[in-house]
């Protein structure tokens, strides 16, 4: 298991890349969800 996490000495770079990619995907999804809510809220105000 340790050798898998170490990945022949490149583990720090690989796992950091995975973590940054995961954080970017989660951040993009959260941003998209927030903008959708704002657009729906704004659209409802215009109709009333």
C-alpha atoms as a PDB file:
ATOM      1  CA  UNK A   1       0.000   0.000   0.000  1.00  0.00           C
ATOM      2  CA  UNK A   2       2.839   2.370   0.819  1.00  0.00           C
ATOM      3  CA  UNK A   3       4.473   1.771  -2.558  1.00  0.00           C
ATOM      4  CA  UNK A   4       1.154   2.529  -4.253  1.00  0.00           C
ATOM      5  CA  UNK A   5       0.837   5.855  -2.432  1.00  0.00           C
ATOM      6  CA  UNK A   6       4.503   6.683  -3.042  1.00  0.00           C
ATOM      7  CA  UNK A   7       4.238   5.884  -6.794  1.00  0.00           C
ATOM      8  CA  UNK A   8       7.974   5.471  -7.293  1.00  0.00           C
ATOM      9  CA  UNK A   9       8.750   8.836  -5.708  1.00  0.00           C
ATOM     10  CA  UNK A  10       6.198  10.816  -7.714  1.00  0.00           C
ATOM     11  CA  UNK A  11       3.348  10.374  -5.252  1.00  0.00           C
ATOM     12  CA  UNK A  12       3.480  13.935  -3.931  1.00  0.00           C
ATOM     13  CA  UNK A  13       3.038  15.379  -7.412  1.00  0.00           C
ATOM     14  CA  UNK A  14       0.424  12.856  -8.527  1.00  0.00           C
ATOM     15  CA  UNK A  15      -1.742  13.106  -5.413  1.00  0.00           C
ATOM     16  CA  UNK A  16      -1.455  16.903  -5.403  1.00  0.00           C
ATOM     17  CA  UNK A  17      -2.623  16.944  -9.017  1.00  0.00           C
ATOM     18  CA  UNK A  18      -5.555  14.677  -8.168  1.00  0.00           C
ATOM     19  CA  UNK A  19      -6.505  16.870  -5.207  1.00  0.00           C
ATOM     20  CA  UNK A  20      -6.327  20.099  -7.214  1.00  0.00           C
ATOM     21  CA  UNK A  21      -8.348  18.575 -10.052  1.00  0.00           C
ATOM     22  CA  UNK A  22     -10.975  17.317  -7.623  1.00  0.00           C
ATOM     23  CA  UNK A  23     -11.165  20.722  -5.930  1.00  0.00           C
ATOM     24  CA  UNK A  24     -11.553  22.432  -9.314  1.00  0.00           C
ATOM     25  CA  UNK A  25     -14.385  20.112 -10.374  1.00  0.00           C
ATOM     26  CA  UNK A  26     -16.205  20.585  -7.059  1.00  0.00           C
ATOM     27  CA  UNK A  27     -15.684  24.358  -7.239  1.00  0.00           C
ATOM     28  CA  UNK A  28     -16.986  24.513 -10.816  1.00  0.00           C
ATOM     29  CA  UNK A  29     -20.055  22.460  -9.893  1.00  0.00           C
ATOM     30  CA  UNK A  30     -20.756  24.658  -6.857  1.00  0.00           C
ATOM     31  CA  UNK A  31     -20.351  27.812  -8.942  1.00  0.00           C
ATOM     32  CA  UNK A  32     -22.701  26.459 -11.600  1.00  0.00           C
ATOM     33  CA  UNK A  33     -25.286  25.463  -8.988  1.00  0.00           C
ATOM     34  CA  UNK A  34     -25.096  28.900  -7.351  1.00  0.00           C
ATOM     35  CA  UNK A  35     -25.507  30.725 -10.686  1.00  0.00           C
ATOM     36  CA  UNK A  36     -28.478  28.531 -11.592  1.00  0.00           C
ATOM     37  CA  UNK A  37     -30.163  29.417  -8.307  1.00  0.00           C
ATOM     38  CA  UNK A  38     -29.494  33.120  -8.894  1.00  0.00           C
ATOM     39  CA  UNK A  39     -30.932  32.974 -12.416  1.00  0.00           C
ATOM     40  CA  UNK A  40     -34.039  31.154 -11.235  1.00  0.00           C
ATOM     41  CA  UNK A  41     -34.503  33.659  -8.420  1.00  0.00           C
ATOM     42  CA  UNK A  42     -34.059  36.603 -10.783  1.00  0.00           C
ATOM     43  CA  UNK A  43     -36.430  35.068 -13.336  1.00  0.00           C
ATOM     44  CA  UNK A  44     -39.147  34.614 -10.732  1.00  0.00           C
ATOM     45  CA  UNK A  45     -38.830  38.273  -9.670  1.00  0.00           C
ATOM     46  CA  UNK A  46     -39.292  39.436 -13.266  1.00  0.00           C
ATOM     47  CA  UNK A  47     -42.480  37.396 -13.735  1.00  0.00           C
ATOM     48  CA  UNK A  48     -44.235  38.685 -10.618  1.00  0.00           C
END
